[in-house]
Amino acid sequence: MIQDKTIVCKDCGESFVFTASEQEFYAEKGFTNEPTRCKSCRNARKNGGRQPERQMYPAVCASCGKHCQVPFQPRDDRPVFCSECFSTKR
């Protein structure tokens, strides 16, 4: 029978419980290593890393003619819509 394990987080040094159900899940998925970080440090590591700032490109909306910024390089053969016009076309 699998029992809960107490593990010390390698980032913050706090102890956390690796529950029996989590261990069963890991075994089901074929994971061989136990977690080394607590839940909050895992989340901080996933979400806390800085994402590179997204490149924005100037464009003119094909519907209303308004100048806007889009996160892709506009092409002449495809229409570009501002966020307001795009949301109404959905």
PDB file of N, CA and C in Angstrom:
ATOM      1  N   MET A   1       0.844  -1.183   0.000  1.00  0.00           N
ATOM      2  CA  MET A   1       0.000   0.000   0.000  1.00  0.00           C
ATOM      3  C   MET A   1       0.887   1.245   0.000  1.00  0.00           C
ATOM      4  N   ILE A   2       0.556   2.167  -0.860  1.00  0.00           N
ATOM      5  CA  ILE A   2       1.328   3.405  -0.975  1.00  0.00           C
ATOM      6  C   ILE A   2       0.935   4.352   0.149  1.00  0.00           C
ATOM      7  N   GLN A   3       1.952   4.994   0.738  1.00  0.00           N
ATOM      8  CA  GLN A   3       1.702   5.955   1.815  1.00  0.00           C
ATOM      9  C   GLN A   3       2.189   7.335   1.401  1.00  0.00           C
ATOM     10  N   ASP A   4       1.613   8.369   2.002  1.00  0.00           N
ATOM     11  CA  ASP A   4       2.047   9.739   1.746  1.00  0.00           C
ATOM     12  C   ASP A   4       3.514   9.889   2.118  1.00  0.00           C
ATOM     13  N   LYS A   5       4.234  10.721   1.342  1.00  0.00           N
ATOM     14  CA  LYS A   5       5.643  11.004   1.624  1.00  0.00           C
ATOM     15  C   LYS A   5       5.801  12.494   1.859  1.00  0.00           C
ATOM     16  N   THR A   6       6.673  12.849   2.784  1.00  0.00           N
ATOM     17  CA  THR A   6       7.006  14.248   2.993  1.00  0.00           C
ATOM     18  C   THR A   6       8.322  14.524   2.285  1.00  0.00           C
ATOM     19  N   ILE A   7       8.313  15.537   1.419  1.00  0.00           N
ATOM     20  CA  ILE A   7       9.485  15.895   0.622  1.00  0.00           C
ATOM     21  C   ILE A   7       9.816  17.358   0.889  1.00  0.00           C
ATOM     22  N   VAL A   8      11.099  17.702   0.875  1.00  0.00           N
ATOM     23  CA  VAL A   8      11.532  19.088   1.058  1.00  0.00           C
ATOM     24  C   VAL A   8      11.726  19.723  -0.319  1.00  0.00           C
ATOM     25  N   CYS A   9      11.085  20.871  -0.534  1.00  0.00           N
ATOM     26  CA  CYS A   9      11.163  21.593  -1.800  1.00  0.00           C
ATOM     27  C   CYS A   9      12.588  22.091  -2.014  1.00  0.00           C
ATOM     28  N   LYS A  10      13.119  21.877  -3.208  1.00  0.00           N
ATOM     29  CA  LYS A  10      14.492  22.290  -3.475  1.00  0.00           C
ATOM     30  C   LYS A  10      14.624  23.789  -3.717  1.00  0.00           C
ATOM     31  N   ASP A  11      13.503  24.479  -3.940  1.00  0.00           N
ATOM     32  CA  ASP A  11      13.559  25.929  -4.147  1.00  0.00           C
ATOM     33  C   ASP A  11      13.376  26.705  -2.841  1.00  0.00           C
ATOM     34  N   CYS A  12      12.289  26.436  -2.141  1.00  0.00           N
ATOM     35  CA  CYS A  12      11.985  27.238  -0.946  1.00  0.00           C
ATOM     36  C   CYS A  12      12.383  26.568   0.362  1.00  0.00           C
ATOM     37  N   GLY A  13      12.664  25.261   0.343  1.00  0.00           N
ATOM     38  CA  GLY A  13      13.080  24.559   1.552  1.00  0.00           C
ATOM     39  C   GLY A  13      11.938  24.114   2.449  1.00  0.00           C
ATOM     40  N   GLU A  14      10.713  24.417   2.072  1.00  0.00           N
ATOM     41  CA  GLU A  14       9.550  23.987   2.858  1.00  0.00           C
ATOM     42  C   GLU A  14       9.236  22.530   2.533  1.00  0.00           C
ATOM     43  N   SER A  15       8.677  21.836   3.498  1.00  0.00           N
ATOM     44  CA  SER A  15       8.290  20.450   3.237  1.00  0.00           C
ATOM     45  C   SER A  15       6.866  20.417   2.703  1.00  0.00           C
ATOM     46  N   PHE A  16       6.601  19.455   1.828  1.00  0.00           N
ATOM     47  CA  PHE A  16       5.263  19.274   1.274  1.00  0.00           C
ATOM     48  C   PHE A  16       4.980  17.784   1.205  1.00  0.00           C
ATOM     49  N   VAL A  17       3.712  17.448   1.094  1.00  0.00           N
ATOM     50  CA  VAL A  17       3.306  16.047   1.095  1.00  0.00           C
ATOM     51  C   VAL A  17       3.073  15.582  -0.340  1.00  0.00           C
ATOM     52  N   PHE A  18       3.714  14.489  -0.697  1.00  0.00           N
ATOM     53  CA  PHE A  18       3.503  13.809  -1.969  1.00  0.00           C
ATOM     54  C   PHE A  18       2.506  12.698  -1.637  1.00  0.00           C
ATOM     55  N   THR A  19       1.215  12.974  -1.920  1.00  0.00           N
ATOM     56  CA  THR A  19       0.152  12.080  -1.461  1.00  0.00           C
ATOM     57  C   THR A  19       0.170  10.742  -2.194  1.00  0.00           C
ATOM     58  N   ALA A  20      -0.493   9.779  -1.599  1.00  0.00           N
ATOM     59  CA  ALA A  20      -0.592   8.448  -2.197  1.00  0.00           C
ATOM     60  C   ALA A  20      -1.285   8.517  -3.558  1.00  0.00           C
ATOM     61  N   SER A  21      -2.322   9.343  -3.663  1.00  0.00           N
ATOM     62  CA  SER A  21      -3.020   9.463  -4.947  1.00  0.00           C
ATOM     63  C   SER A  21      -2.132  10.117  -6.001  1.00  0.00           C
ATOM     64  N   GLU A  22      -1.315  11.093  -5.604  1.00  0.00           N
ATOM     65  CA  GLU A  22      -0.367  11.688  -6.544  1.00  0.00           C
ATOM     66  C   GLU A  22       0.661  10.653  -6.990  1.00  0.00           C
ATOM     67  N   GLN A  23       1.114   9.818  -6.067  1.00  0.00           N
ATOM     68  CA  GLN A  23       2.075   8.771  -6.397  1.00  0.00           C
ATOM     69  C   GLN A  23       1.474   7.773  -7.384  1.00  0.00           C
ATOM     70  N   GLU A  24       0.207   7.434  -7.182  1.00  0.00           N
ATOM     71  CA  GLU A  24      -0.475   6.526  -8.111  1.00  0.00           C
ATOM     72  C   GLU A  24      -0.586   7.145  -9.498  1.00  0.00           C
ATOM     73  N   PHE A  25      -0.897   8.453  -9.530  1.00  0.00           N
ATOM     74  CA  PHE A  25      -0.989   9.165 -10.800  1.00  0.00           C
ATOM     75  C   PHE A  25       0.353   9.136 -11.517  1.00  0.00           C
ATOM     76  N   TYR A  26       1.439   9.435 -10.777  1.00  0.00           N
ATOM     77  CA  TYR A  26       2.784   9.408 -11.360  1.00  0.00           C
ATOM     78  C   TYR A  26       3.093   8.022 -11.931  1.00  0.00           C
ATOM     79  N   ALA A  27       2.730   6.980 -11.189  1.00  0.00           N
ATOM     80  CA  ALA A  27       2.996   5.611 -11.638  1.00  0.00           C
ATOM     81  C   ALA A  27       2.192   5.295 -12.894  1.00  0.00           C
ATOM     82  N   GLU A  28       0.923   5.734 -12.931  1.00  0.00           N
ATOM     83  CA  GLU A  28       0.062   5.534 -14.101  1.00  0.00           C
ATOM     84  C   GLU A  28       0.663   6.154 -15.351  1.00  0.00           C
ATOM     85  N   LYS A  29       1.223   7.355 -15.194  1.00  0.00           N
ATOM     86  CA  LYS A  29       1.792   8.090 -16.324  1.00  0.00           C
ATOM     87  C   LYS A  29       3.197   7.620 -16.678  1.00  0.00           C
ATOM     88  N   GLY A  30       3.770   6.755 -15.840  1.00  0.00           N
ATOM     89  CA  GLY A  30       5.107   6.241 -16.113  1.00  0.00           C
ATOM     90  C   GLY A  30       6.228   7.153 -15.653  1.00  0.00           C
ATOM     91  N   PHE A  31       5.899   8.141 -14.804  1.00  0.00           N
ATOM     92  CA  PHE A  31       6.928   9.037 -14.272  1.00  0.00           C
ATOM     93  C   PHE A  31       7.759   8.283 -13.249  1.00  0.00           C
ATOM     94  N   THR A  32       9.064   8.392 -13.349  1.00  0.00           N
ATOM     95  CA  THR A  32       9.935   7.661 -12.426  1.00  0.00           C
ATOM     96  C   THR A  32      10.500   8.551 -11.327  1.00  0.00           C
ATOM     97  N   ASN A  33      10.516   9.853 -11.541  1.00  0.00           N
ATOM     98  CA  ASN A  33      11.062  10.780 -10.541  1.00  0.00           C
ATOM     99  C   ASN A  33       9.949  11.392  -9.705  1.00  0.00           C
ATOM    100  N   GLU A  34      10.226  11.552  -8.424  1.00  0.00           N
ATOM    101  CA  GLU A  34       9.286  12.238  -7.544  1.00  0.00           C
ATOM    102  C   GLU A  34       9.419  13.740  -7.768  1.00  0.00           C
ATOM    103  N   PRO A  35       8.388  14.512  -7.417  1.00  0.00           N
ATOM    104  CA  PRO A  35       8.505  15.968  -7.558  1.00  0.00           C
ATOM    105  C   PRO A  35       9.579  16.504  -6.610  1.00  0.00           C
ATOM    106  N   THR A  36      10.268  17.550  -7.027  1.00  0.00           N
ATOM    107  CA  THR A  36      11.304  18.150  -6.182  1.00  0.00           C
ATOM    108  C   THR A  36      10.900  19.536  -5.694  1.00  0.00           C
ATOM    109  N   ARG A  37       9.785  20.054  -6.238  1.00  0.00           N
ATOM    110  CA  ARG A  37       9.300  21.373  -5.841  1.00  0.00           C
ATOM    111  C   ARG A  37       7.871  21.273  -5.327  1.00  0.00           C
ATOM    112  N   CYS A  38       7.542  22.139  -4.368  1.00  0.00           N
ATOM    113  CA  CYS A  38       6.172  22.188  -3.859  1.00  0.00           C
ATOM    114  C   CYS A  38       5.268  22.811  -4.920  1.00  0.00           C
ATOM    115  N   LYS A  39       3.978  22.724  -4.733  1.00  0.00           N
ATOM    116  CA  LYS A  39       2.999  23.199  -5.716  1.00  0.00           C
ATOM    117  C   LYS A  39       3.192  24.688  -6.014  1.00  0.00           C
ATOM    118  N   SER A  40       3.392  25.513  -4.986  1.00  0.00           N
ATOM    119  CA  SER A  40       3.529  26.950  -5.231  1.00  0.00           C
ATOM    120  C   SER A  40       4.813  27.265  -5.990  1.00  0.00           C
ATOM    121  N   CYS A  41       5.901  26.566  -5.715  1.00  0.00           N
ATOM    122  CA  CYS A  41       7.145  26.797  -6.452  1.00  0.00           C
ATOM    123  C   CYS A  41       7.039  26.275  -7.889  1.00  0.00           C
ATOM    124  N   ARG A  42       6.310  25.172  -8.097  1.00  0.00           N
ATOM    125  CA  ARG A  42       6.090  24.684  -9.467  1.00  0.00           C
ATOM    126  C   ARG A  42       5.305  25.713 -10.269  1.00  0.00           C
ATOM    127  N   ASN A  43       4.243  26.250  -9.653  1.00  0.00           N
ATOM    128  CA  ASN A  43       3.433  27.259 -10.340  1.00  0.00           C
ATOM    129  C   ASN A  43       4.239  28.517 -10.611  1.00  0.00           C
ATOM    130  N   ALA A  44       5.041  28.946  -9.640  1.00  0.00           N
ATOM    131  CA  ALA A  44       5.854  30.145  -9.827  1.00  0.00           C
ATOM    132  C   ALA A  44       6.867  29.919 -10.945  1.00  0.00           C
ATOM    133  N   ARG A  45       7.412  28.729 -11.012  1.00  0.00           N
ATOM    134  CA  ARG A  45       8.396  28.418 -12.048  1.00  0.00           C
ATOM    135  C   ARG A  45       7.733  28.399 -13.429  1.00  0.00           C
ATOM    136  N   LYS A  46       6.514  27.844 -13.503  1.00  0.00           N
ATOM    137  CA  LYS A  46       5.798  27.803 -14.777  1.00  0.00           C
ATOM    138  C   LYS A  46       5.388  29.199 -15.233  1.00  0.00           C
ATOM    139  N   ASN A  47       4.812  29.972 -14.323  1.00  0.00           N
ATOM    140  CA  ASN A  47       4.216  31.254 -14.689  1.00  0.00           C
ATOM    141  C   ASN A  47       5.111  32.455 -14.438  1.00  0.00           C
ATOM    142  N   GLY A  48       6.112  32.284 -13.603  1.00  0.00           N
ATOM    143  CA  GLY A  48       6.931  33.419 -13.215  1.00  0.00           C
ATOM    144  C   GLY A  48       8.034  33.760 -14.178  1.00  0.00           C
ATOM    145  N   GLY A  49       8.364  32.838 -15.050  1.00  0.00           N
ATOM    146  CA  GLY A  49       9.421  33.121 -16.017  1.00  0.00           C
ATOM    147  C   GLY A  49       8.987  34.223 -16.950  1.00  0.00           C
ATOM    148  N   ARG A  50       9.883  35.126 -17.235  1.00  0.00           N
ATOM    149  CA  ARG A  50       9.523  36.234 -18.117  1.00  0.00           C
ATOM    150  C   ARG A  50       9.358  35.736 -19.542  1.00  0.00           C
ATOM    151  N   GLN A  51       8.258  36.088 -20.110  1.00  0.00           N
ATOM    152  CA  GLN A  51       7.997  35.781 -21.512  1.00  0.00           C
ATOM    153  C   GLN A  51       8.563  36.929 -22.344  1.00  0.00           C
ATOM    154  N   PRO A  52       9.168  36.629 -23.468  1.00  0.00           N
ATOM    155  CA  PRO A  52       9.648  37.725 -24.314  1.00  0.00           C
ATOM    156  C   PRO A  52       8.468  38.576 -24.772  1.00  0.00           C
ATOM    157  N   GLU A  53       8.705  39.876 -24.813  1.00  0.00           N
ATOM    158  CA  GLU A  53       7.620  40.759 -25.223  1.00  0.00           C
ATOM    159  C   GLU A  53       7.252  40.464 -26.670  1.00  0.00           C
ATOM    160  N   ARG A  54       5.976  40.402 -26.922  1.00  0.00           N
ATOM    161  CA  ARG A  54       5.477  40.039 -28.245  1.00  0.00           C
ATOM    162  C   ARG A  54       5.708  41.174 -29.239  1.00  0.00           C
ATOM    163  N   GLN A  55       6.213  40.828 -30.402  1.00  0.00           N
ATOM    164  CA  GLN A  55       6.429  41.795 -31.477  1.00  0.00           C
ATOM    165  C   GLN A  55       5.066  42.193 -32.050  1.00  0.00           C
ATOM    166  N   MET A  56       4.804  43.482 -32.122  1.00  0.00           N
ATOM    167  CA  MET A  56       3.552  43.975 -32.686  1.00  0.00           C
ATOM    168  C   MET A  56       3.865  44.734 -33.978  1.00  0.00           C
ATOM    169  N   TYR A  57       2.937  44.667 -34.924  1.00  0.00           N
ATOM    170  CA  TYR A  57       3.128  45.288 -36.229  1.00  0.00           C
ATOM    171  C   TYR A  57       1.986  46.264 -36.496  1.00  0.00           C
ATOM    172  N   PRO A  58       2.294  47.393 -37.133  1.00  0.00           N
ATOM    173  CA  PRO A  58       1.230  48.345 -37.463  1.00  0.00           C
ATOM    174  C   PRO A  58       0.394  47.811 -38.630  1.00  0.00           C
ATOM    175  N   ALA A  59      -0.894  48.115 -38.586  1.00  0.00           N
ATOM    176  CA  ALA A  59      -1.803  47.677 -39.651  1.00  0.00           C
ATOM    177  C   ALA A  59      -2.973  48.646 -39.740  1.00  0.00           C
ATOM    178  N   VAL A  60      -3.723  48.516 -40.816  1.00  0.00           N
ATOM    179  CA  VAL A  60      -4.948  49.296 -41.001  1.00  0.00           C
ATOM    180  C   VAL A  60      -6.087  48.301 -41.133  1.00  0.00           C
ATOM    181  N   CYS A  61      -7.134  48.485 -40.339  1.00  0.00           N
ATOM    182  CA  CYS A  61      -8.265  47.569 -40.334  1.00  0.00           C
ATOM    183  C   CYS A  61      -8.959  47.577 -41.695  1.00  0.00           C
ATOM    184  N   ALA A  62      -9.208  46.400 -42.236  1.00  0.00           N
ATOM    185  CA  ALA A  62      -9.858  46.269 -43.544  1.00  0.00           C
ATOM    186  C   ALA A  62     -11.338  46.617 -43.476  1.00  0.00           C
ATOM    187  N   SER A  63     -11.907  46.630 -42.274  1.00  0.00           N
ATOM    188  CA  SER A  63     -13.330  46.898 -42.137  1.00  0.00           C
ATOM    189  C   SER A  63     -13.616  48.375 -41.861  1.00  0.00           C
ATOM    190  N   CYS A  64     -12.968  48.936 -40.827  1.00  0.00           N
ATOM    191  CA  CYS A  64     -13.279  50.314 -40.430  1.00  0.00           C
ATOM    192  C   CYS A  64     -12.199  51.320 -40.812  1.00  0.00           C
ATOM    193  N   GLY A  65     -11.029  50.853 -41.250  1.00  0.00           N
ATOM    194  CA  GLY A  65      -9.956  51.758 -41.669  1.00  0.00           C
ATOM    195  C   GLY A  65      -9.126  52.330 -40.530  1.00  0.00           C
ATOM    196  N   LYS A  66      -9.377  51.881 -39.332  1.00  0.00           N
ATOM    197  CA  LYS A  66      -8.653  52.382 -38.158  1.00  0.00           C
ATOM    198  C   LYS A  66      -7.236  51.803 -38.116  1.00  0.00           C
ATOM    199  N   HIS A  67      -6.258  52.610 -37.674  1.00  0.00           N
ATOM    200  CA  HIS A  67      -4.893  52.129 -37.486  1.00  0.00           C
ATOM    201  C   HIS A  67      -4.848  51.309 -36.201  1.00  0.00           C
ATOM    202  N   CYS A  68      -4.163  50.158 -36.251  1.00  0.00           N
ATOM    203  CA  CYS A  68      -4.097  49.270 -35.097  1.00  0.00           C
ATOM    204  C   CYS A  68      -2.764  48.543 -35.070  1.00  0.00           C
ATOM    205  N   GLN A  69      -2.541  47.761 -34.038  1.00  0.00           N
ATOM    206  CA  GLN A  69      -1.347  46.938 -33.881  1.00  0.00           C
ATOM    207  C   GLN A  69      -1.800  45.479 -33.847  1.00  0.00           C
ATOM    208  N   VAL A  70      -1.084  44.614 -34.566  1.00  0.00           N
ATOM    209  CA  VAL A  70      -1.419  43.191 -34.591  1.00  0.00           C
ATOM    210  C   VAL A  70      -0.165  42.372 -34.269  1.00  0.00           C
ATOM    211  N   PRO A  71      -0.323  41.166 -33.702  1.00  0.00           N
ATOM    212  CA  PRO A  71       0.831  40.354 -33.291  1.00  0.00           C
ATOM    213  C   PRO A  71       1.406  39.474 -34.402  1.00  0.00           C
ATOM    214  N   PHE A  72       1.170  39.829 -35.658  1.00  0.00           N
ATOM    215  CA  PHE A  72       1.705  39.070 -36.787  1.00  0.00           C
ATOM    216  C   PHE A  72       2.026  40.049 -37.906  1.00  0.00           C
ATOM    217  N   GLN A  73       2.888  39.636 -38.810  1.00  0.00           N
ATOM    218  CA  GLN A  73       3.266  40.472 -39.943  1.00  0.00           C
ATOM    219  C   GLN A  73       2.119  40.458 -40.959  1.00  0.00           C
ATOM    220  N   PRO A  74       1.450  41.593 -41.177  1.00  0.00           N
ATOM    221  CA  PRO A  74       0.353  41.616 -42.148  1.00  0.00           C
ATOM    222  C   PRO A  74       0.860  41.339 -43.565  1.00  0.00           C
ATOM    223  N   ARG A  75       0.011  40.657 -44.343  1.00  0.00           N
ATOM    224  CA  ARG A  75       0.320  40.378 -45.747  1.00  0.00           C
ATOM    225  C   ARG A  75      -0.708  41.079 -46.612  1.00  0.00           C
ATOM    226  N   ASP A  76      -0.314  41.421 -47.822  1.00  0.00           N
ATOM    227  CA  ASP A  76      -1.216  42.143 -48.719  1.00  0.00           C
ATOM    228  C   ASP A  76      -2.397  41.305 -49.186  1.00  0.00           C
ATOM    229  N   ASP A  77      -2.244  39.974 -49.211  1.00  0.00           N
ATOM    230  CA  ASP A  77      -3.305  39.118 -49.738  1.00  0.00           C
ATOM    231  C   ASP A  77      -4.348  38.718 -48.693  1.00  0.00           C
ATOM    232  N   ARG A  78      -4.173  39.140 -47.434  1.00  0.00           N
ATOM    233  CA  ARG A  78      -5.122  38.777 -46.373  1.00  0.00           C
ATOM    234  C   ARG A  78      -5.596  40.032 -45.646  1.00  0.00           C
ATOM    235  N   PRO A  79      -6.903  40.156 -45.373  1.00  0.00           N
ATOM    236  CA  PRO A  79      -7.383  41.330 -44.638  1.00  0.00           C
ATOM    237  C   PRO A  79      -6.975  41.259 -43.164  1.00  0.00           C
ATOM    238  N   VAL A  80      -6.759  42.422 -42.575  1.00  0.00           N
ATOM    239  CA  VAL A  80      -6.428  42.537 -41.156  1.00  0.00           C
ATOM    240  C   VAL A  80      -7.536  43.351 -40.506  1.00  0.00           C
ATOM    241  N   PHE A  81      -7.975  42.908 -39.317  1.00  0.00           N
ATOM    242  CA  PHE A  81      -9.045  43.596 -38.610  1.00  0.00           C
ATOM    243  C   PHE A  81      -8.566  44.070 -37.246  1.00  0.00           C
ATOM    244  N   CYS A  82      -9.057  45.237 -36.818  1.00  0.00           N
ATOM    245  CA  CYS A  82      -8.764  45.716 -35.464  1.00  0.00           C
ATOM    246  C   CYS A  82      -9.507  44.795 -34.490  1.00  0.00           C
ATOM    247  N   SER A  83      -9.198  44.899 -33.225  1.00  0.00           N
ATOM    248  CA  SER A  83      -9.797  43.967 -32.248  1.00  0.00           C
ATOM    249  C   SER A  83     -11.323  44.110 -32.184  1.00  0.00           C
ATOM    250  N   GLU A  84     -11.838  45.342 -32.332  1.00  0.00           N
ATOM    251  CA  GLU A  84     -13.301  45.521 -32.286  1.00  0.00           C
ATOM    252  C   GLU A  84     -13.985  44.848 -33.469  1.00  0.00           C
ATOM    253  N   CYS A  85     -13.458  45.057 -34.658  1.00  0.00           N
ATOM    254  CA  CYS A  85     -14.058  44.456 -35.851  1.00  0.00           C
ATOM    255  C   CYS A  85     -13.872  42.935 -35.852  1.00  0.00           C
ATOM    256  N   PHE A  86     -12.716  42.485 -35.384  1.00  0.00           N
ATOM    257  CA  PHE A  86     -12.458  41.052 -35.324  1.00  0.00           C
ATOM    258  C   PHE A  86     -13.458  40.352 -34.397  1.00  0.00           C
ATOM    259  N   SER A  87     -13.744  40.981 -33.243  1.00  0.00           N
ATOM    260  CA  SER A  87     -14.665  40.334 -32.299  1.00  0.00           C
ATOM    261  C   SER A  87     -16.103  40.292 -32.844  1.00  0.00           C
ATOM    262  N   THR A  88     -16.494  41.248 -33.681  1.00  0.00           N
ATOM    263  CA  THR A  88     -17.842  41.210 -34.254  1.00  0.00           C
ATOM    264  C   THR A  88     -17.936  40.178 -35.377  1.00  0.00           C
ATOM    265  N   LYS A  89     -16.820  39.844 -36.021  1.00  0.00           N
ATOM    266  CA  LYS A  89     -16.826  38.876 -37.120  1.00  0.00           C
ATOM    267  C   LYS A  89     -16.830  37.433 -36.610  1.00  0.00           C
ATOM    268  N   ARG A  90     -16.523  37.201 -35.356  1.00  0.00           N
ATOM    269  CA  ARG A  90     -16.479  35.843 -34.812  1.00  0.00           C
ATOM    270  C   ARG A  90     -17.813  35.222 -34.869  1.00  0.00           C
TER     271      ARG A  90
END
